[in-house]
C-alpha atoms as a PDB file:
ATOM      1  CA  UNK A   1     123.187  68.003 170.010  1.00  0.00           C
ATOM      2  CA  UNK A   2     120.028  69.494 168.593  1.00  0.00           C
ATOM      3  CA  UNK A   3     117.757  72.492 169.039  1.00  0.00           C
ATOM      4  CA  UNK A   4     114.908  71.368 171.316  1.00  0.00           C
ATOM      5  CA  UNK A   5     112.047  73.750 170.463  1.00  0.00           C
ATOM      6  CA  UNK A   6     111.025  76.871 168.600  1.00  0.00           C
ATOM      7  CA  UNK A   7     111.664  77.958 165.038  1.00  0.00           C
ATOM      8  CA  UNK A   8     114.927  75.969 164.742  1.00  0.00           C
ATOM      9  CA  UNK A   9     113.521  72.838 166.409  1.00  0.00           C
ATOM     10  CA  UNK A  10     115.242  69.617 165.392  1.00  0.00           C
ATOM     11  CA  UNK A  11     118.273  71.261 163.761  1.00  0.00           C
ATOM     12  CA  UNK A  12     121.488  69.430 164.603  1.00  0.00           C
ATOM     13  CA  UNK A  13     124.287  71.678 165.852  1.00  0.00           C
ATOM     14  CA  UNK A  14     128.006  71.128 165.426  1.00  0.00           C
ATOM     15  CA  UNK A  15     129.832  69.986 168.529  1.00  0.00           C
ATOM     16  CA  UNK A  16     133.333  70.411 169.914  1.00  0.00           C
ATOM     17  CA  UNK A  17     135.404  67.780 171.665  1.00  0.00           C
ATOM     18  CA  UNK A  18     138.071  68.478 174.214  1.00  0.00           C
ATOM     19  CA  UNK A  19     138.931  68.487 177.858  1.00  0.00           C
ATOM     20  CA  UNK A  20     137.465  71.933 178.603  1.00  0.00           C
ATOM     21  CA  UNK A  21     134.337  71.519 176.469  1.00  0.00           C
ATOM     22  CA  UNK A  22     131.237  70.158 178.125  1.00  0.00           C
ATOM     23  CA  UNK A  23     128.133  71.077 176.129  1.00  0.00           C
ATOM     24  CA  UNK A  24     124.899  71.202 178.099  1.00  0.00           C
ATOM     25  CA  UNK A  25     122.999  68.039 177.227  1.00  0.00           C
ATOM     26  CA  UNK A  26     119.673  68.194 175.409  1.00  0.00           C
ATOM     27  CA  UNK A  27     117.815  66.998 178.526  1.00  0.00           C
ATOM     28  CA  UNK A  28     119.377  69.610 180.810  1.00  0.00           C
ATOM     29  CA  UNK A  29     118.852  72.348 178.202  1.00  0.00           C
ATOM     30  CA  UNK A  30     115.199  71.355 177.866  1.00  0.00           C
ATOM     31  CA  UNK A  31     114.773  71.524 181.654  1.00  0.00           C
ATOM     32  CA  UNK A  32     116.416  74.965 181.833  1.00  0.00           C
ATOM     33  CA  UNK A  33     114.115  76.360 179.164  1.00  0.00           C
ATOM     34  CA  UNK A  34     111.029  74.806 180.772  1.00  0.00           C
ATOM     35  CA  UNK A  35     111.940  76.667 183.982  1.00  0.00           C
ATOM     36  CA  UNK A  36     112.687  80.048 182.346  1.00  0.00           C
ATOM     37  CA  UNK A  37     110.145  79.842 179.488  1.00  0.00           C
ATOM     38  CA  UNK A  38     108.301  83.017 180.503  1.00  0.00           C
ATOM     39  CA  UNK A  39     111.534  85.068 180.384  1.00  0.00           C
ATOM     40  CA  UNK A  40     112.782  84.094 176.896  1.00  0.00           C
ATOM     41  CA  UNK A  41     110.381  85.725 174.424  1.00  0.00           C
ATOM     42  CA  UNK A  42     111.874  89.106 173.513  1.00  0.00           C
ATOM     43  CA  UNK A  43     114.788  88.613 175.921  1.00  0.00           C
ATOM     44  CA  UNK A  44     118.302  89.987 175.680  1.00  0.00           C
ATOM     45  CA  UNK A  45     120.582  87.038 176.455  1.00  0.00           C
ATOM     46  CA  UNK A  46     124.248  86.736 177.414  1.00  0.00           C
ATOM     47  CA  UNK A  47     125.881  83.329 176.885  1.00  0.00           C
ATOM     48  CA  UNK A  48     129.171  83.635 178.784  1.00  0.00           C
ATOM     49  CA  UNK A  49     131.539  80.718 178.030  1.00  0.00           C
ATOM     50  CA  UNK A  50     129.533  80.182 174.825  1.00  0.00           C
ATOM     51  CA  UNK A  51     131.125  76.844 173.855  1.00  0.00           C
ATOM     52  CA  UNK A  52     129.069  75.545 170.930  1.00  0.00           C
ATOM     53  CA  UNK A  53     126.422  78.245 171.284  1.00  0.00           C
ATOM     54  CA  UNK A  54     123.672  75.743 172.087  1.00  0.00           C
ATOM     55  CA  UNK A  55     122.144  77.729 174.981  1.00  0.00           C
ATOM     56  CA  UNK A  56     122.103  81.012 173.072  1.00  0.00           C
ATOM     57  CA  UNK A  57     120.816  79.413 169.876  1.00  0.00           C
ATOM     58  CA  UNK A  58     118.064  77.662 171.840  1.00  0.00           C
ATOM     59  CA  UNK A  59     117.173  81.115 173.228  1.00  0.00           C
ATOM     60  CA  UNK A  60     116.980  82.592 169.715  1.00  0.00           C
ATOM     61  CA  UNK A  61     114.897  79.636 168.555  1.00  0.00           C
ATOM     62  CA  UNK A  62     112.405  80.314 171.359  1.00  0.00           C
ATOM     63  CA  UNK A  63     112.037  84.023 170.590  1.00  0.00           C
ATOM     64  CA  UNK A  64     114.903  85.864 172.294  1.00  0.00           C
ATOM     65  CA  UNK A  65     115.434  89.320 170.801  1.00  0.00           C
ATOM     66  CA  UNK A  66     119.231  89.076 170.845  1.00  0.00           C
ATOM     67  CA  UNK A  67     122.129  86.993 172.129  1.00  0.00           C
ATOM     68  CA  UNK A  68     125.715  87.908 172.836  1.00  0.00           C
ATOM     69  CA  UNK A  69     128.145  84.989 172.983  1.00  0.00           C
ATOM     70  CA  UNK A  70     131.501  85.321 174.742  1.00  0.00           C
ATOM     71  CA  UNK A  71     134.248  82.709 174.637  1.00  0.00           C
ATOM     72  CA  UNK A  72     138.024  83.055 174.671  1.00  0.00           C
ATOM     73  CA  UNK A  73     138.599  79.955 172.491  1.00  0.00           C
ATOM     74  CA  UNK A  74     138.804  80.676 168.766  1.00  0.00           C
ATOM     75  CA  UNK A  75     137.524  77.156 168.065  1.00  0.00           C
ATOM     76  CA  UNK A  76     134.391  77.816 170.107  1.00  0.00           C
ATOM     77  CA  UNK A  77     133.752  81.145 168.382  1.00  0.00           C
ATOM     78  CA  UNK A  78     134.163  79.490 164.979  1.00  0.00           C
ATOM     79  CA  UNK A  79     131.685  76.712 165.907  1.00  0.00           C
ATOM     80  CA  UNK A  80     129.203  79.253 167.326  1.00  0.00           C
ATOM     81  CA  UNK A  81     129.405  81.151 164.022  1.00  0.00           C
ATOM     82  CA  UNK A  82     128.911  77.929 162.031  1.00  0.00           C
ATOM     83  CA  UNK A  83     125.959  76.895 164.217  1.00  0.00           C
ATOM     84  CA  UNK A  84     124.346  80.311 163.784  1.00  0.00           C
ATOM     85  CA  UNK A  85     124.761  79.905 160.011  1.00  0.00           C
ATOM     86  CA  UNK A  86     123.180  76.415 160.213  1.00  0.00           C
ATOM     87  CA  UNK A  87     119.994  77.922 161.663  1.00  0.00           C
ATOM     88  CA  UNK A  88     120.250  81.155 159.634  1.00  0.00           C
ATOM     89  CA  UNK A  89     120.459  83.384 162.717  1.00  0.00           C
ATOM     90  CA  UNK A  90     122.718  86.231 163.698  1.00  0.00           C
ATOM     91  CA  UNK A  91     124.239  87.259 167.007  1.00  0.00           C
ATOM     92  CA  UNK A  92     127.246  89.075 168.385  1.00  0.00           C
ATOM     93  CA  UNK A  93     130.246  86.840 169.141  1.00  0.00           C
ATOM     94  CA  UNK A  94     132.998  88.147 171.409  1.00  0.00           C
ATOM     95  CA  UNK A  95     136.267  86.194 171.117  1.00  0.00           C
ATOM     96  CA  UNK A  96     137.593  87.334 174.502  1.00  0.00           C
ATOM     97  CA  UNK A  97     138.023  86.029 178.032  1.00  0.00           C
ATOM     98  CA  UNK A  98     134.841  86.228 180.141  1.00  0.00           C
ATOM     99  CA  UNK A  99     136.389  88.860 182.426  1.00  0.00           C
ATOM    100  CA  UNK A 100     137.170  91.119 179.462  1.00  0.00           C
ATOM    101  CA  UNK A 101     133.682  90.558 178.028  1.00  0.00           C
ATOM    102  CA  UNK A 102     132.130  91.660 181.318  1.00  0.00           C
ATOM    103  CA  UNK A 103     134.434  94.706 181.425  1.00  0.00           C
ATOM    104  CA  UNK A 104     133.285  95.727 177.923  1.00  0.00           C
ATOM    105  CA  UNK A 105     129.553  95.059 178.295  1.00  0.00           C
ATOM    106  CA  UNK A 106     127.326  97.782 179.753  1.00  0.00           C
ATOM    107  CA  UNK A 107     123.834  96.675 178.735  1.00  0.00           C
ATOM    108  CA  UNK A 108     121.283  94.819 180.818  1.00  0.00           C
ATOM    109  CA  UNK A 109     120.355  91.212 180.073  1.00  0.00           C
ATOM    110  CA  UNK A 110     117.131  89.374 180.849  1.00  0.00           C
ATOM    111  CA  UNK A 111     118.872  85.989 180.862  1.00  0.00           C
ATOM    112  CA  UNK A 112     122.535  85.234 181.525  1.00  0.00           C
ATOM    113  CA  UNK A 113     124.053  81.771 181.138  1.00  0.00           C
ATOM    114  CA  UNK A 114     127.341  81.020 182.896  1.00  0.00           C
ATOM    115  CA  UNK A 115     128.615  77.567 182.000  1.00  0.00           C
ATOM    116  CA  UNK A 116     132.392  77.589 182.566  1.00  0.00           C
ATOM    117  CA  UNK A 117     134.636  74.523 182.470  1.00  0.00           C
ATOM    118  CA  UNK A 118     134.051  72.698 185.766  1.00  0.00           C
ATOM    119  CA  UNK A 119     137.577  73.542 186.966  1.00  0.00           C
ATOM    120  CA  UNK A 120     136.703  77.260 186.656  1.00  0.00           C
ATOM    121  CA  UNK A 121     134.918  79.002 189.517  1.00  0.00           C
ATOM    122  CA  UNK A 122     132.089  81.055 188.048  1.00  0.00           C
ATOM    123  CA  UNK A 123     131.390  83.073 191.187  1.00  0.00           C
ATOM    124  CA  UNK A 124     133.820  85.944 190.394  1.00  0.00           C
ATOM    125  CA  UNK A 125     131.945  86.446 187.100  1.00  0.00           C
ATOM    126  CA  UNK A 126     128.593  86.437 188.910  1.00  0.00           C
ATOM    127  CA  UNK A 127     129.944  89.019 191.385  1.00  0.00           C
ATOM    128  CA  UNK A 128     131.090  91.231 188.492  1.00  0.00           C
ATOM    129  CA  UNK A 129     127.638  90.916 186.871  1.00  0.00           C
ATOM    130  CA  UNK A 130     126.086  91.974 190.190  1.00  0.00           C
ATOM    131  CA  UNK A 131     128.525  94.854 190.701  1.00  0.00           C
ATOM    132  CA  UNK A 132     127.948  96.180 187.149  1.00  0.00           C
ATOM    133  CA  UNK A 133     124.205  95.474 187.371  1.00  0.00           C
ATOM    134  CA  UNK A 134     124.252  93.677 184.008  1.00  0.00           C
ATOM    135  CA  UNK A 135     121.244  91.516 184.935  1.00  0.00           C
ATOM    136  CA  UNK A 136     117.873  93.169 184.358  1.00  0.00           C
ATOM    137  CA  UNK A 137     115.751  93.844 187.452  1.00  0.00           C
ATOM    138  CA  UNK A 138     113.493  90.848 186.668  1.00  0.00           C
ATOM    139  CA  UNK A 139     116.190  88.779 184.988  1.00  0.00           C
ATOM    140  CA  UNK A 140     117.603  85.363 185.791  1.00  0.00           C
ATOM    141  CA  UNK A 141     121.190  84.134 185.806  1.00  0.00           C
ATOM    142  CA  UNK A 142     121.719  80.390 185.315  1.00  0.00           C
ATOM    143  CA  UNK A 143     125.019  79.003 186.588  1.00  0.00           C
ATOM    144  CA  UNK A 144     125.948  75.432 185.625  1.00  0.00           C
ATOM    145  CA  UNK A 145     128.399  73.414 187.749  1.00  0.00           C
ATOM    146  CA  UNK A 146     129.359  69.833 188.442  1.00  0.00           C
ATOM    147  CA  UNK A 147     126.830  68.143 190.740  1.00  0.00           C
ATOM    148  CA  UNK A 148     129.756  67.600 193.155  1.00  0.00           C
ATOM    149  CA  UNK A 149     130.174  71.356 193.595  1.00  0.00           C
ATOM    150  CA  UNK A 150     128.088  73.944 195.362  1.00  0.00           C
ATOM    151  CA  UNK A 151     127.741  77.661 194.844  1.00  0.00           C
ATOM    152  CA  UNK A 152     127.239  80.490 197.315  1.00  0.00           C
ATOM    153  CA  UNK A 153     123.624  81.275 198.093  1.00  0.00           C
ATOM    154  CA  UNK A 154     124.346  85.006 197.841  1.00  0.00           C
ATOM    155  CA  UNK A 155     126.863  86.581 195.464  1.00  0.00           C
ATOM    156  CA  UNK A 156     126.953  90.364 195.597  1.00  0.00           C
ATOM    157  CA  UNK A 157     123.312  91.443 195.397  1.00  0.00           C
ATOM    158  CA  UNK A 158     122.201  88.206 193.692  1.00  0.00           C
ATOM    159  CA  UNK A 159     120.568  85.359 195.577  1.00  0.00           C
ATOM    160  CA  UNK A 160     119.854  81.755 194.656  1.00  0.00           C
ATOM    161  CA  UNK A 161     116.172  81.431 193.733  1.00  0.00           C
ATOM    162  CA  UNK A 162     116.310  77.755 192.760  1.00  0.00           C
ATOM    163  CA  UNK A 163     118.755  74.844 192.498  1.00  0.00           C
ATOM    164  CA  UNK A 164     118.298  71.744 190.353  1.00  0.00           C
ATOM    165  CA  UNK A 165     120.397  68.613 189.932  1.00  0.00           C
ATOM    166  CA  UNK A 166     120.414  66.507 186.752  1.00  0.00           C
ATOM    167  CA  UNK A 167     122.870  63.602 186.942  1.00  0.00           C
ATOM    168  CA  UNK A 168     126.384  65.088 186.894  1.00  0.00           C
ATOM    169  CA  UNK A 169     125.105  68.679 186.535  1.00  0.00           C
ATOM    170  CA  UNK A 170     123.836  71.157 189.101  1.00  0.00           C
ATOM    171  CA  UNK A 171     122.078  74.365 188.088  1.00  0.00           C
ATOM    172  CA  UNK A 172     121.819  77.491 190.229  1.00  0.00           C
ATOM    173  CA  UNK A 173     119.237  80.139 189.295  1.00  0.00           C
ATOM    174  CA  UNK A 174     120.072  83.608 190.624  1.00  0.00           C
ATOM    175  CA  UNK A 175     117.917  86.725 190.850  1.00  0.00           C
ATOM    176  CA  UNK A 176     118.222  90.112 192.567  1.00  0.00           C
ATOM    177  CA  UNK A 177     117.685  90.098 196.357  1.00  0.00           C
ATOM    178  CA  UNK A 178     115.453  93.163 196.194  1.00  0.00           C
ATOM    179  CA  UNK A 179     112.951  91.727 193.694  1.00  0.00           C
END
């Protein structure tokens, strides 16, 4: 797993193995960032279910202003910290369950990544983000699921703007209905 582009391009990141860990592949990550490229520079990013930190670190590499990582696994938080040190970057790491992270957070984000273990339904987290209005008015929320699974077109006040399938992965891009 490596950083695809930006100031940390080519840096190899530490990985985690395990049943609940499924890092976003380089190809899928590259596709995501090609789609949201215009939103990253100067962005405030939330990487919920941070895992290895690859999505958030890719955001920092491409010019994001800040990233908050949230993951309940101590191993994941340790690897995120180590990966940030590898690229000489800093970010806030919350070692809490995603629900608690969303309860604590009150700021708006330009980009939110939700990449839970496939057995975990991410829609309750998306609804909470909508209810708390944590996504900026012109922001985008990217929800990663197994290609076998679908997601609701509308969750709270968020609506699917785009859906992409890459092998075993399906991505749902949400935005506000009113924008």
